[in-house]
Amino acid sequence: MDISVKFGKKVKELRLQKKMSQGDLAKILGVHPTYISGIERGVRNMALKNIEKLAKALGVKPSELL
């Protein structure tokens, strides 16, 4: 499995554990919900700074996403 797909599955898992919608997460990050969808489907490649922001929004360490 591609690392982007694995990453996206982990993001979705954590988002759902927090009972957040893609829209909720997108709002926190200041991005469009389709961006979150792309991440979760493994078609978006995130910059390291954005991974850090995403981890913070989900209340986890960046290493937990990888």
N, C-alpha and C. Protein backbone atom coordinates (compact mmCIF):
# COMPACT_ATOMS: atom_id res chain seq x y z
N MET A 1 0.85 -1.18 0.00
CA MET A 1 0.00 0.00 0.00
C MET A 1 0.89 1.24 0.00
N ASP A 2 0.53 2.21 -0.81
CA ASP A 2 1.26 3.47 -0.92
C ASP A 2 1.23 4.24 0.39
N ILE A 3 2.32 4.93 0.71
CA ILE A 3 2.40 5.68 1.98
C ILE A 3 1.33 6.76 2.06
N SER A 4 0.97 7.38 0.95
CA SER A 4 -0.07 8.41 0.95
C SER A 4 -1.42 7.82 1.33
N VAL A 5 -1.69 6.62 0.86
CA VAL A 5 -2.94 5.94 1.19
C VAL A 5 -2.95 5.55 2.67
N LYS A 6 -1.85 5.03 3.17
CA LYS A 6 -1.75 4.67 4.59
C LYS A 6 -1.94 5.90 5.47
N PHE A 7 -1.28 6.99 5.07
CA PHE A 7 -1.39 8.25 5.81
C PHE A 7 -2.85 8.71 5.84
N GLY A 8 -3.48 8.70 4.70
CA GLY A 8 -4.87 9.14 4.59
C GLY A 8 -5.82 8.30 5.43
N LYS A 9 -5.60 7.00 5.45
CA LYS A 9 -6.44 6.12 6.27
C LYS A 9 -6.28 6.44 7.74
N LYS A 10 -5.05 6.75 8.15
CA LYS A 10 -4.80 7.10 9.56
C LYS A 10 -5.47 8.42 9.91
N VAL A 11 -5.38 9.40 9.01
CA VAL A 11 -6.03 10.69 9.24
C VAL A 11 -7.54 10.48 9.40
N LYS A 12 -8.13 9.71 8.51
CA LYS A 12 -9.58 9.46 8.59
C LYS A 12 -9.94 8.76 9.89
N GLU A 13 -9.16 7.75 10.26
CA GLU A 13 -9.41 7.02 11.50
C GLU A 13 -9.40 7.96 12.70
N LEU A 14 -8.38 8.80 12.79
CA LEU A 14 -8.27 9.73 13.92
C LEU A 14 -9.38 10.78 13.89
N ARG A 15 -9.71 11.26 12.70
CA ARG A 15 -10.79 12.25 12.56
C ARG A 15 -12.11 11.66 13.06
N LEU A 16 -12.40 10.44 12.66
CA LEU A 16 -13.64 9.80 13.08
C LEU A 16 -13.66 9.50 14.57
N GLN A 17 -12.50 9.16 15.15
CA GLN A 17 -12.41 8.95 16.59
C GLN A 17 -12.76 10.22 17.35
N LYS A 18 -12.39 11.37 16.76
CA LYS A 18 -12.66 12.67 17.38
C LYS A 18 -14.07 13.17 17.06
N LYS A 19 -14.84 12.34 16.28
CA LYS A 19 -16.20 12.69 15.88
C LYS A 19 -16.24 14.00 15.11
N MET A 20 -15.26 14.16 14.21
CA MET A 20 -15.17 15.36 13.37
C MET A 20 -15.54 15.01 11.95
N SER A 21 -16.20 15.95 11.27
CA SER A 21 -16.45 15.79 9.85
C SER A 21 -15.23 16.32 9.08
N GLN A 22 -15.19 16.03 7.80
CA GLN A 22 -14.12 16.60 6.98
C GLN A 22 -14.23 18.12 7.00
N GLY A 23 -15.45 18.62 7.02
CA GLY A 23 -15.66 20.06 7.08
C GLY A 23 -15.14 20.68 8.37
N ASP A 24 -15.36 19.98 9.48
CA ASP A 24 -14.85 20.46 10.78
C ASP A 24 -13.33 20.59 10.74
N LEU A 25 -12.68 19.54 10.25
CA LEU A 25 -11.22 19.54 10.20
C LEU A 25 -10.71 20.59 9.22
N ALA A 26 -11.38 20.70 8.10
CA ALA A 26 -10.99 21.71 7.10
C ALA A 26 -11.08 23.12 7.67
N LYS A 27 -12.12 23.37 8.44
CA LYS A 27 -12.30 24.70 9.04
C LYS A 27 -11.16 25.03 10.00
N ILE A 28 -10.78 24.07 10.82
CA ILE A 28 -9.67 24.27 11.77
C ILE A 28 -8.38 24.58 11.02
N LEU A 29 -8.15 23.86 9.92
CA LEU A 29 -6.91 24.03 9.15
C LEU A 29 -6.96 25.20 8.17
N GLY A 30 -8.15 25.73 7.94
CA GLY A 30 -8.28 26.84 6.99
C GLY A 30 -8.15 26.39 5.54
N VAL A 31 -8.65 25.19 5.25
CA VAL A 31 -8.60 24.64 3.89
C VAL A 31 -10.01 24.23 3.47
N HIS A 32 -10.17 23.90 2.21
CA HIS A 32 -11.46 23.44 1.70
C HIS A 32 -11.65 21.97 2.07
N PRO A 33 -12.89 21.56 2.34
CA PRO A 33 -13.13 20.15 2.68
C PRO A 33 -12.64 19.16 1.62
N THR A 34 -12.61 19.57 0.36
CA THR A 34 -12.11 18.65 -0.67
C THR A 34 -10.62 18.37 -0.49
N TYR A 35 -9.90 19.28 0.17
CA TYR A 35 -8.49 19.06 0.47
C TYR A 35 -8.35 17.91 1.47
N ILE A 36 -9.20 17.92 2.49
CA ILE A 36 -9.20 16.84 3.48
C ILE A 36 -9.57 15.52 2.81
N SER A 37 -10.55 15.56 1.95
CA SER A 37 -10.95 14.36 1.21
C SER A 37 -9.77 13.80 0.41
N GLY A 38 -9.04 14.68 -0.25
CA GLY A 38 -7.88 14.26 -1.03
C GLY A 38 -6.81 13.62 -0.17
N ILE A 39 -6.60 14.17 1.01
CA ILE A 39 -5.62 13.60 1.94
C ILE A 39 -6.06 12.19 2.33
N GLU A 40 -7.32 12.05 2.71
CA GLU A 40 -7.82 10.77 3.18
C GLU A 40 -7.85 9.71 2.08
N ARG A 41 -7.98 10.13 0.84
CA ARG A 41 -7.97 9.18 -0.27
C ARG A 41 -6.55 8.89 -0.77
N GLY A 42 -5.57 9.61 -0.25
CA GLY A 42 -4.18 9.38 -0.64
C GLY A 42 -3.79 10.04 -1.94
N VAL A 43 -4.56 11.03 -2.39
CA VAL A 43 -4.23 11.71 -3.64
C VAL A 43 -3.57 13.07 -3.41
N ARG A 44 -3.53 13.52 -2.18
CA ARG A 44 -2.85 14.77 -1.83
C ARG A 44 -1.58 14.46 -1.09
N ASN A 45 -0.54 15.22 -1.39
CA ASN A 45 0.73 15.08 -0.72
C ASN A 45 0.92 16.31 0.17
N MET A 46 0.98 16.12 1.47
CA MET A 46 1.07 17.25 2.39
C MET A 46 2.51 17.64 2.68
N ALA A 47 2.72 18.94 2.86
CA ALA A 47 4.02 19.45 3.30
C ALA A 47 4.17 19.14 4.79
N LEU A 48 5.39 19.06 5.24
CA LEU A 48 5.65 18.73 6.64
C LEU A 48 4.99 19.72 7.60
N LYS A 49 5.00 20.99 7.28
CA LYS A 49 4.38 21.99 8.15
C LYS A 49 2.88 21.74 8.27
N ASN A 50 2.27 21.31 7.18
CA ASN A 50 0.84 21.02 7.22
C ASN A 50 0.54 19.74 7.99
N ILE A 51 1.45 18.79 7.94
CA ILE A 51 1.29 17.57 8.74
C ILE A 51 1.30 17.94 10.22
N GLU A 52 2.18 18.84 10.59
CA GLU A 52 2.24 19.30 11.98
C GLU A 52 0.93 19.97 12.39
N LYS A 53 0.38 20.82 11.53
CA LYS A 53 -0.90 21.49 11.81
C LYS A 53 -2.03 20.47 11.91
N LEU A 54 -2.02 19.51 11.01
CA LEU A 54 -3.05 18.47 11.01
C LEU A 54 -3.00 17.67 12.31
N ALA A 55 -1.82 17.28 12.72
CA ALA A 55 -1.66 16.52 13.97
C ALA A 55 -2.18 17.32 15.15
N LYS A 56 -1.86 18.59 15.18
CA LYS A 56 -2.33 19.45 16.28
C LYS A 56 -3.85 19.52 16.28
N ALA A 57 -4.45 19.66 15.11
CA ALA A 57 -5.91 19.74 15.00
C ALA A 57 -6.57 18.45 15.47
N LEU A 58 -5.90 17.32 15.27
CA LEU A 58 -6.44 16.03 15.69
C LEU A 58 -6.03 15.66 17.11
N GLY A 59 -5.18 16.48 17.71
CA GLY A 59 -4.76 16.24 19.09
C GLY A 59 -3.79 15.08 19.24
N VAL A 60 -2.96 14.87 18.22
CA VAL A 60 -1.97 13.79 18.26
C VAL A 60 -0.60 14.34 17.90
N LYS A 61 0.42 13.53 18.13
CA LYS A 61 1.77 13.89 17.70
C LYS A 61 1.90 13.61 16.21
N PRO A 62 2.70 14.39 15.50
CA PRO A 62 2.89 14.12 14.07
C PRO A 62 3.32 12.68 13.78
N SER A 63 4.11 12.10 14.68
CA SER A 63 4.57 10.72 14.47
C SER A 63 3.43 9.71 14.46
N GLU A 64 2.32 10.04 15.12
CA GLU A 64 1.18 9.13 15.16
C GLU A 64 0.47 9.05 13.81
N LEU A 65 0.70 10.03 12.96
CA LEU A 65 0.10 10.02 11.63
C LEU A 65 0.90 9.18 10.65
N LEU A 66 2.16 8.92 11.00
CA LEU A 66 3.03 8.22 10.06
C LEU A 66 3.20 6.77 10.39
